[in-house]
């Protein structure tokens, strides 16, 4: 039941993400590849790159651009949660 949400919160993020917060406040549908939103994605990408350059972000500065990709991540299958999900219910 919650695996989809768990993976959304813990899996490696895609290269680009774009969400319509008005219609998708929980950010479950990534619109980055949707041609309808291409102009918005392009504009925001340019703004992001400008800010990253201005702030000397390590992904662009050359000091260690791979630092964000080298942290250990969870690998392998995620275990199934117990069928009794009573531990998820609030008292």
PDB file of N, CA and C in Angstrom:
ATOM      1  N   UNK A   1       0.815  -1.198   0.000  1.00  0.00           N
ATOM      2  CA  UNK A   1       0.000   0.000   0.000  1.00  0.00           C
ATOM      3  C   UNK A   1       0.862   1.268   0.000  1.00  0.00           C
ATOM      4  N   UNK A   2       1.923   1.265   0.796  1.00  0.00           N
ATOM      5  CA  UNK A   2       2.722   2.495   0.892  1.00  0.00           C
ATOM      6  C   UNK A   2       4.041   2.429   0.122  1.00  0.00           C
ATOM      7  N   UNK A   3       4.319   1.299  -0.538  1.00  0.00           N
ATOM      8  CA  UNK A   3       5.605   1.141  -1.225  1.00  0.00           C
ATOM      9  C   UNK A   3       5.835   2.257  -2.247  1.00  0.00           C
ATOM     10  N   UNK A   4       4.816   2.617  -3.026  1.00  0.00           N
ATOM     11  CA  UNK A   4       4.948   3.673  -4.036  1.00  0.00           C
ATOM     12  C   UNK A   4       5.411   4.977  -3.380  1.00  0.00           C
ATOM     13  N   UNK A   5       4.832   5.310  -2.245  1.00  0.00           N
ATOM     14  CA  UNK A   5       5.166   6.556  -1.552  1.00  0.00           C
ATOM     15  C   UNK A   5       6.539   6.464  -0.890  1.00  0.00           C
ATOM     16  N   UNK A   6       6.846   5.300  -0.348  1.00  0.00           N
ATOM     17  CA  UNK A   6       8.151   5.081   0.268  1.00  0.00           C
ATOM     18  C   UNK A   6       9.250   5.250  -0.774  1.00  0.00           C
ATOM     19  N   UNK A   7       9.055   4.653  -1.948  1.00  0.00           N
ATOM     20  CA  UNK A   7      10.050   4.759  -3.007  1.00  0.00           C
ATOM     21  C   UNK A   7      10.155   6.205  -3.507  1.00  0.00           C
ATOM     22  N   UNK A   8       9.051   6.907  -3.566  1.00  0.00           N
ATOM     23  CA  UNK A   8       9.093   8.311  -3.983  1.00  0.00           C
ATOM     24  C   UNK A   8       9.937   9.145  -3.025  1.00  0.00           C
ATOM     25  N   UNK A   9       9.907   8.780  -1.763  1.00  0.00           N
ATOM     26  CA  UNK A   9      10.633   9.542  -0.749  1.00  0.00           C
ATOM     27  C   UNK A   9      12.095   9.118  -0.614  1.00  0.00           C
ATOM     28  N   UNK A  10      12.428   7.877  -0.986  1.00  0.00           N
ATOM     29  CA  UNK A  10      13.771   7.374  -0.705  1.00  0.00           C
ATOM     30  C   UNK A  10      14.591   6.989  -1.928  1.00  0.00           C
ATOM     31  N   UNK A  11      13.969   6.786  -3.067  1.00  0.00           N
ATOM     32  CA  UNK A  11      14.712   6.365  -4.258  1.00  0.00           C
ATOM     33  C   UNK A  11      15.542   7.533  -4.804  1.00  0.00           C
ATOM     34  N   UNK A  12      16.509   7.210  -5.623  1.00  0.00           N
ATOM     35  CA  UNK A  12      17.328   8.244  -6.251  1.00  0.00           C
ATOM     36  C   UNK A  12      16.426   9.118  -7.119  1.00  0.00           C
ATOM     37  N   UNK A  13      16.603  10.417  -6.998  1.00  0.00           N
ATOM     38  CA  UNK A  13      15.769  11.375  -7.714  1.00  0.00           C
ATOM     39  C   UNK A  13      16.125  11.399  -9.194  1.00  0.00           C
ATOM     40  N   UNK A  14      15.151  11.678 -10.066  1.00  0.00           N
ATOM     41  CA  UNK A  14      15.468  11.841 -11.483  1.00  0.00           C
ATOM     42  C   UNK A  14      16.284  13.115 -11.714  1.00  0.00           C
ATOM     43  N   UNK A  15      16.911  13.226 -12.874  1.00  0.00           N
ATOM     44  CA  UNK A  15      17.757  14.388 -13.184  1.00  0.00           C
ATOM     45  C   UNK A  15      16.976  15.690 -13.062  1.00  0.00           C
ATOM     46  N   UNK A  16      15.750  15.721 -13.565  1.00  0.00           N
ATOM     47  CA  UNK A  16      14.925  16.918 -13.482  1.00  0.00           C
ATOM     48  C   UNK A  16      13.543  16.560 -12.953  1.00  0.00           C
ATOM     49  N   UNK A  17      13.000  17.474 -12.164  1.00  0.00           N
ATOM     50  CA  UNK A  17      11.654  17.304 -11.641  1.00  0.00           C
ATOM     51  C   UNK A  17      10.896  18.611 -11.815  1.00  0.00           C
ATOM     52  N   UNK A  18       9.635  18.492 -12.189  1.00  0.00           N
ATOM     53  CA  UNK A  18       8.773  19.652 -12.355  1.00  0.00           C
ATOM     54  C   UNK A  18       7.364  19.220 -11.968  1.00  0.00           C
ATOM     55  N   UNK A  19       6.755  19.941 -11.039  1.00  0.00           N
ATOM     56  CA  UNK A  19       5.430  19.573 -10.553  1.00  0.00           C
ATOM     57  C   UNK A  19       4.482  20.762 -10.625  1.00  0.00           C
ATOM     58  N   UNK A  20       3.227  20.476 -10.849  1.00  0.00           N
ATOM     59  CA  UNK A  20       2.176  21.486 -10.813  1.00  0.00           C
ATOM     60  C   UNK A  20       1.588  21.427  -9.406  1.00  0.00           C
ATOM     61  N   UNK A  21       2.004  22.339  -8.562  1.00  0.00           N
ATOM     62  CA  UNK A  21       1.591  22.295  -7.159  1.00  0.00           C
ATOM     63  C   UNK A  21       0.104  22.554  -6.958  1.00  0.00           C
ATOM     64  N   UNK A  22      -0.531  23.248  -7.903  1.00  0.00           N
ATOM     65  CA  UNK A  22      -1.965  23.510  -7.782  1.00  0.00           C
ATOM     66  C   UNK A  22      -2.767  22.224  -7.956  1.00  0.00           C
ATOM     67  N   UNK A  23      -2.394  21.409  -8.931  1.00  0.00           N
ATOM     68  CA  UNK A  23      -3.156  20.181  -9.186  1.00  0.00           C
ATOM     69  C   UNK A  23      -2.518  18.939  -8.570  1.00  0.00           C
ATOM     70  N   UNK A  24      -1.268  19.032  -8.136  1.00  0.00           N
ATOM     71  CA  UNK A  24      -0.540  17.888  -7.576  1.00  0.00           C
ATOM     72  C   UNK A  24       0.276  18.341  -6.363  1.00  0.00           C
ATOM     73  N   UNK A  25      -0.404  18.724  -5.275  1.00  0.00           N
ATOM     74  CA  UNK A  25       0.316  19.285  -4.119  1.00  0.00           C
ATOM     75  C   UNK A  25       1.274  18.304  -3.441  1.00  0.00           C
ATOM     76  N   UNK A  26       1.127  17.005  -3.695  1.00  0.00           N
ATOM     77  CA  UNK A  26       2.019  16.027  -3.078  1.00  0.00           C
ATOM     78  C   UNK A  26       3.158  15.622  -4.015  1.00  0.00           C
ATOM     79  N   UNK A  27       3.241  16.297  -5.168  1.00  0.00           N
ATOM     80  CA  UNK A  27       4.345  16.103  -6.116  1.00  0.00           C
ATOM     81  C   UNK A  27       4.535  14.632  -6.504  1.00  0.00           C
ATOM     82  N   UNK A  28       3.479  14.026  -6.990  1.00  0.00           N
ATOM     83  CA  UNK A  28       3.539  12.621  -7.376  1.00  0.00           C
ATOM     84  C   UNK A  28       3.683  12.428  -8.886  1.00  0.00           C
ATOM     85  N   UNK A  29       3.365  13.440  -9.707  1.00  0.00           N
ATOM     86  CA  UNK A  29       3.459  13.314 -11.162  1.00  0.00           C
ATOM     87  C   UNK A  29       4.509  14.288 -11.687  1.00  0.00           C
ATOM     88  N   UNK A  30       5.670  13.748 -12.054  1.00  0.00           N
ATOM     89  CA  UNK A  30       6.770  14.555 -12.568  1.00  0.00           C
ATOM     90  C   UNK A  30       6.442  14.978 -13.999  1.00  0.00           C
ATOM     91  N   UNK A  31       6.381  16.280 -14.241  1.00  0.00           N
ATOM     92  CA  UNK A  31       6.025  16.824 -15.543  1.00  0.00           C
ATOM     93  C   UNK A  31       7.235  17.229 -16.375  1.00  0.00           C
ATOM     94  N   UNK A  32       8.432  16.926 -15.904  1.00  0.00           N
ATOM     95  CA  UNK A  32       9.650  17.378 -16.585  1.00  0.00           C
ATOM     96  C   UNK A  32       9.738  16.889 -18.029  1.00  0.00           C
ATOM     97  N   UNK A  33       9.184  15.744 -18.340  1.00  0.00           N
ATOM     98  CA  UNK A  33       9.246  15.224 -19.701  1.00  0.00           C
ATOM     99  C   UNK A  33       8.017  15.534 -20.535  1.00  0.00           C
ATOM    100  N   UNK A  34       7.074  16.267 -19.976  1.00  0.00           N
ATOM    101  CA  UNK A  34       5.830  16.591 -20.670  1.00  0.00           C
ATOM    102  C   UNK A  34       6.066  17.791 -21.594  1.00  0.00           C
ATOM    103  N   UNK A  35       5.842  17.628 -22.901  1.00  0.00           N
ATOM    104  CA  UNK A  35       6.110  18.699 -23.870  1.00  0.00           C
ATOM    105  C   UNK A  35       5.268  19.941 -23.604  1.00  0.00           C
ATOM    106  N   UNK A  36       4.110  19.789 -22.987  1.00  0.00           N
ATOM    107  CA  UNK A  36       3.261  20.936 -22.678  1.00  0.00           C
ATOM    108  C   UNK A  36       3.974  21.924 -21.748  1.00  0.00           C
ATOM    109  N   UNK A  37       4.822  21.406 -20.871  1.00  0.00           N
ATOM    110  CA  UNK A  37       5.517  22.226 -19.876  1.00  0.00           C
ATOM    111  C   UNK A  37       6.971  22.517 -20.259  1.00  0.00           C
ATOM    112  N   UNK A  38       7.363  22.241 -21.495  1.00  0.00           N
ATOM    113  CA  UNK A  38       8.761  22.383 -21.898  1.00  0.00           C
ATOM    114  C   UNK A  38       9.296  23.804 -21.717  1.00  0.00           C
ATOM    115  N   UNK A  39       8.512  24.816 -22.068  1.00  0.00           N
ATOM    116  CA  UNK A  39       8.986  26.204 -21.924  1.00  0.00           C
ATOM    117  C   UNK A  39       9.225  26.548 -20.453  1.00  0.00           C
ATOM    118  N   UNK A  40       8.345  26.096 -19.593  1.00  0.00           N
ATOM    119  CA  UNK A  40       8.500  26.341 -18.150  1.00  0.00           C
ATOM    120  C   UNK A  40       9.736  25.610 -17.641  1.00  0.00           C
ATOM    121  N   UNK A  41       9.901  24.348 -18.047  1.00  0.00           N
ATOM    122  CA  UNK A  41      11.053  23.564 -17.610  1.00  0.00           C
ATOM    123  C   UNK A  41      12.363  24.235 -18.049  1.00  0.00           C
ATOM    124  N   UNK A  42      12.418  24.698 -19.298  1.00  0.00           N
ATOM    125  CA  UNK A  42      13.604  25.349 -19.826  1.00  0.00           C
ATOM    126  C   UNK A  42      13.924  26.630 -19.061  1.00  0.00           C
ATOM    127  N   UNK A  43      12.903  27.445 -18.804  1.00  0.00           N
ATOM    128  CA  UNK A  43      13.110  28.706 -18.079  1.00  0.00           C
ATOM    129  C   UNK A  43      13.618  28.446 -16.666  1.00  0.00           C
ATOM    130  N   UNK A  44      12.992  27.510 -15.979  1.00  0.00           N
ATOM    131  CA  UNK A  44      13.408  27.204 -14.606  1.00  0.00           C
ATOM    132  C   UNK A  44      14.802  26.583 -14.573  1.00  0.00           C
ATOM    133  N   UNK A  45      15.131  25.785 -15.565  1.00  0.00           N
ATOM    134  CA  UNK A  45      16.458  25.186 -15.638  1.00  0.00           C
ATOM    135  C   UNK A  45      17.527  26.264 -15.796  1.00  0.00           C
ATOM    136  N   UNK A  46      17.259  27.255 -16.639  1.00  0.00           N
ATOM    137  CA  UNK A  46      18.208  28.366 -16.810  1.00  0.00           C
ATOM    138  C   UNK A  46      18.373  29.154 -15.520  1.00  0.00           C
ATOM    139  N   UNK A  47      17.267  29.412 -14.823  1.00  0.00           N
ATOM    140  CA  UNK A  47      17.337  30.131 -13.540  1.00  0.00           C
ATOM    141  C   UNK A  47      18.146  29.344 -12.518  1.00  0.00           C
ATOM    142  N   UNK A  48      17.923  28.036 -12.481  1.00  0.00           N
ATOM    143  CA  UNK A  48      18.662  27.187 -11.543  1.00  0.00           C
ATOM    144  C   UNK A  48      20.156  27.216 -11.843  1.00  0.00           C
ATOM    145  N   UNK A  49      20.521  27.041 -13.109  1.00  0.00           N
ATOM    146  CA  UNK A  49      21.942  27.049 -13.469  1.00  0.00           C
ATOM    147  C   UNK A  49      22.598  28.379 -13.125  1.00  0.00           C
ATOM    148  N   UNK A  50      21.905  29.472 -13.349  1.00  0.00           N
ATOM    149  CA  UNK A  50      22.435  30.795 -13.010  1.00  0.00           C
ATOM    150  C   UNK A  50      22.712  30.891 -11.511  1.00  0.00           C
ATOM    151  N   UNK A  51      21.750  30.445 -10.703  1.00  0.00           N
ATOM    152  CA  UNK A  51      21.910  30.488  -9.246  1.00  0.00           C
ATOM    153  C   UNK A  51      23.037  29.571  -8.784  1.00  0.00           C
ATOM    154  N   UNK A  52      23.133  28.369  -9.357  1.00  0.00           N
ATOM    155  CA  UNK A  52      24.201  27.441  -8.984  1.00  0.00           C
ATOM    156  C   UNK A  52      25.570  28.046  -9.283  1.00  0.00           C
ATOM    157  N   UNK A  53      25.706  28.705 -10.429  1.00  0.00           N
ATOM    158  CA  UNK A  53      26.973  29.348 -10.786  1.00  0.00           C
ATOM    159  C   UNK A  53      27.292  30.498  -9.842  1.00  0.00           C
ATOM    160  N   UNK A  54      26.279  31.326  -9.563  1.00  0.00           N
ATOM    161  CA  UNK A  54      26.484  32.492  -8.691  1.00  0.00           C
ATOM    162  C   UNK A  54      26.877  32.093  -7.276  1.00  0.00           C
ATOM    163  N   UNK A  55      26.395  30.966  -6.805  1.00  0.00           N
ATOM    164  CA  UNK A  55      26.667  30.539  -5.431  1.00  0.00           C
ATOM    165  C   UNK A  55      27.846  29.587  -5.319  1.00  0.00           C
ATOM    166  N   UNK A  56      28.487  29.261  -6.453  1.00  0.00           N
ATOM    167  CA  UNK A  56      29.649  28.372  -6.411  1.00  0.00           C
ATOM    168  C   UNK A  56      29.304  26.956  -6.015  1.00  0.00           C
ATOM    169  N   UNK A  57      28.156  26.491  -6.415  1.00  0.00           N
ATOM    170  CA  UNK A  57      27.723  25.138  -6.073  1.00  0.00           C
ATOM    171  C   UNK A  57      28.760  24.115  -6.530  1.00  0.00           C
ATOM    172  N   UNK A  58      29.066  23.138  -5.681  1.00  0.00           N
ATOM    173  CA  UNK A  58      30.115  22.165  -5.976  1.00  0.00           C
ATOM    174  C   UNK A  58      29.819  21.311  -7.203  1.00  0.00           C
ATOM    175  N   UNK A  59      28.555  21.190  -7.583  1.00  0.00           N
ATOM    176  CA  UNK A  59      28.244  20.408  -8.784  1.00  0.00           C
ATOM    177  C   UNK A  59      28.723  21.105 -10.048  1.00  0.00           C
ATOM    178  N   UNK A  60      28.979  22.405  -9.979  1.00  0.00           N
ATOM    179  CA  UNK A  60      29.424  23.152 -11.144  1.00  0.00           C
ATOM    180  C   UNK A  60      30.827  23.725 -10.991  1.00  0.00           C
ATOM    181  N   UNK A  61      31.306  23.873  -9.769  1.00  0.00           N
ATOM    182  CA  UNK A  61      32.565  24.577  -9.529  1.00  0.00           C
ATOM    183  C   UNK A  61      33.796  23.764  -9.897  1.00  0.00           C
ATOM    184  N   UNK A  62      33.660  22.455 -10.029  1.00  0.00           N
ATOM    185  CA  UNK A  62      34.814  21.627 -10.356  1.00  0.00           C
ATOM    186  C   UNK A  62      35.562  21.115  -9.138  1.00  0.00           C
ATOM    187  N   UNK A  63      35.249  21.626  -7.936  1.00  0.00           N
ATOM    188  CA  UNK A  63      35.970  21.168  -6.745  1.00  0.00           C
ATOM    189  C   UNK A  63      35.666  19.702  -6.440  1.00  0.00           C
ATOM    190  N   UNK A  64      34.453  19.300  -6.572  1.00  0.00           N
ATOM    191  CA  UNK A  64      34.064  17.895  -6.420  1.00  0.00           C
ATOM    192  C   UNK A  64      32.641  17.741  -6.952  1.00  0.00           C
ATOM    193  N   UNK A  65      32.462  17.801  -8.264  1.00  0.00           N
ATOM    194  CA  UNK A  65      31.112  17.795  -8.831  1.00  0.00           C
ATOM    195  C   UNK A  65      30.346  16.491  -8.611  1.00  0.00           C
ATOM    196  N   UNK A  66      31.040  15.409  -8.282  1.00  0.00           N
ATOM    197  CA  UNK A  66      30.369  14.120  -8.096  1.00  0.00           C
ATOM    198  C   UNK A  66      29.976  13.846  -6.647  1.00  0.00           C
ATOM    199  N   UNK A  67      30.225  14.787  -5.749  1.00  0.00           N
ATOM    200  CA  UNK A  67      29.971  14.530  -4.330  1.00  0.00           C
ATOM    201  C   UNK A  67      28.531  14.082  -4.071  1.00  0.00           C
ATOM    202  N   UNK A  68      27.582  14.658  -4.788  1.00  0.00           N
ATOM    203  CA  UNK A  68      26.172  14.334  -4.548  1.00  0.00           C
ATOM    204  C   UNK A  68      25.810  12.957  -5.090  1.00  0.00           C
ATOM    205  N   UNK A  69      26.606  12.430  -5.988  1.00  0.00           N
ATOM    206  CA  UNK A  69      26.311  11.124  -6.583  1.00  0.00           C
ATOM    207  C   UNK A  69      27.100   9.989  -5.939  1.00  0.00           C
ATOM    208  N   UNK A  70      27.967  10.297  -4.991  1.00  0.00           N
ATOM    209  CA  UNK A  70      28.812   9.260  -4.412  1.00  0.00           C
ATOM    210  C   UNK A  70      28.400   8.821  -3.014  1.00  0.00           C
ATOM    211  N   UNK A  71      27.403   9.459  -2.435  1.00  0.00           N
ATOM    212  CA  UNK A  71      26.934   9.006  -1.129  1.00  0.00           C
ATOM    213  C   UNK A  71      26.316   7.621  -1.271  1.00  0.00           C
ATOM    214  N   UNK A  72      26.519   6.750  -0.282  1.00  0.00           N
ATOM    215  CA  UNK A  72      25.922   5.408  -0.377  1.00  0.00           C
ATOM    216  C   UNK A  72      24.393   5.499  -0.409  1.00  0.00           C
ATOM    217  N   UNK A  73      23.796   4.654  -1.188  1.00  0.00           N
ATOM    218  CA  UNK A  73      22.342   4.616  -1.297  1.00  0.00           C
ATOM    219  C   UNK A  73      21.855   3.206  -1.017  1.00  0.00           C
ATOM    220  N   UNK A  74      20.600   3.116  -0.701  1.00  0.00           N
ATOM    221  CA  UNK A  74      19.971   1.827  -0.498  1.00  0.00           C
ATOM    222  C   UNK A  74      19.995   1.062  -1.813  1.00  0.00           C
ATOM    223  N   UNK A  75      20.351  -0.193  -1.759  1.00  0.00           N
ATOM    224  CA  UNK A  75      20.326  -0.992  -2.987  1.00  0.00           C
ATOM    225  C   UNK A  75      19.583  -2.294  -2.719  1.00  0.00           C
ATOM    226  N   UNK A  76      19.116  -2.914  -3.753  1.00  0.00           N
ATOM    227  CA  UNK A  76      18.378  -4.161  -3.615  1.00  0.00           C
ATOM    228  C   UNK A  76      16.893  -3.912  -3.423  1.00  0.00           C
ATOM    229  N   UNK A  77      16.180  -4.994  -3.279  1.00  0.00           N
ATOM    230  CA  UNK A  77      14.736  -4.910  -3.101  1.00  0.00           C
ATOM    231  C   UNK A  77      14.381  -4.376  -1.717  1.00  0.00           C
ATOM    232  N   UNK A  78      13.307  -3.649  -1.666  1.00  0.00           N
ATOM    233  CA  UNK A  78      12.774  -3.173  -0.399  1.00  0.00           C
ATOM    234  C   UNK A  78      11.928  -4.305   0.194  1.00  0.00           C
ATOM    235  N   UNK A  79      12.118  -4.566   1.461  1.00  0.00           N
ATOM    236  CA  UNK A  79      11.341  -5.645   2.071  1.00  0.00           C
ATOM    237  C   UNK A  79       9.869  -5.272   2.119  1.00  0.00           C
ATOM    238  N   UNK A  80       9.018  -6.276   2.087  1.00  0.00           N
ATOM    239  CA  UNK A  80       7.587  -6.028   2.234  1.00  0.00           C
ATOM    240  C   UNK A  80       7.290  -5.697   3.692  1.00  0.00           C
ATOM    241  N   UNK A  81       6.321  -4.852   3.897  1.00  0.00           N
ATOM    242  CA  UNK A  81       5.919  -4.510   5.248  1.00  0.00           C
ATOM    243  C   UNK A  81       5.002  -5.603   5.783  1.00  0.00           C
ATOM    244  N   UNK A  82       4.972  -5.777   7.091  1.00  0.00           N
ATOM    245  CA  UNK A  82       4.117  -6.822   7.660  1.00  0.00           C
ATOM    246  C   UNK A  82       2.659  -6.614   7.266  1.00  0.00           C
ATOM    247  N   UNK A  83       1.919  -7.713   7.091  1.00  0.00           N
ATOM    248  CA  UNK A  83       0.513  -7.573   6.712  1.00  0.00           C
ATOM    249  C   UNK A  83      -0.301  -6.830   7.762  1.00  0.00           C
ATOM    250  N   UNK A  84       0.119  -6.910   9.030  1.00  0.00           N
ATOM    251  CA  UNK A  84      -0.573  -6.194  10.097  1.00  0.00           C
ATOM    252  C   UNK A  84      -0.014  -4.789  10.155  1.00  0.00           C
ATOM    253  N   UNK A  85      -0.748  -3.831   9.630  1.00  0.00           N
ATOM    254  CA  UNK A  85      -0.250  -2.454   9.607  1.00  0.00           C
ATOM    255  C   UNK A  85      -0.790  -1.633  10.769  1.00  0.00           C
ATOM    256  N   UNK A  86      -1.151  -2.312  11.854  1.00  0.00           N
ATOM    257  CA  UNK A  86      -1.705  -1.591  12.996  1.00  0.00           C
ATOM    258  C   UNK A  86      -0.697  -0.603  13.572  1.00  0.00           C
ATOM    259  N   UNK A  87       0.603  -0.856  13.350  1.00  0.00           N
ATOM    260  CA  UNK A  87       1.622   0.053  13.867  1.00  0.00           C
ATOM    261  C   UNK A  87       1.574   1.405  13.152  1.00  0.00           C
ATOM    262  N   UNK A  88       0.874   1.478  12.014  1.00  0.00           N
ATOM    263  CA  UNK A  88       0.759   2.732  11.289  1.00  0.00           C
ATOM    264  C   UNK A  88      -0.377   3.599  11.816  1.00  0.00           C
ATOM    265  N   UNK A  89      -1.287   2.989  12.570  1.00  0.00           N
ATOM    266  CA  UNK A  89      -2.441   3.736  13.071  1.00  0.00           C
ATOM    267  C   UNK A  89      -2.053   4.559  14.290  1.00  0.00           C
ATOM    268  N   UNK A  90      -2.559   5.756  14.315  1.00  0.00           N
ATOM    269  CA  UNK A  90      -2.274   6.633  15.476  1.00  0.00           C
ATOM    270  C   UNK A  90      -3.159   6.212  16.638  1.00  0.00           C
ATOM    271  N   UNK A  91      -2.625   6.368  17.860  1.00  0.00           N
ATOM    272  CA  UNK A  91      -3.435   6.004  19.043  1.00  0.00           C
ATOM    273  C   UNK A  91      -4.625   6.924  19.215  1.00  0.00           C
TER     274      UNK A  91
END
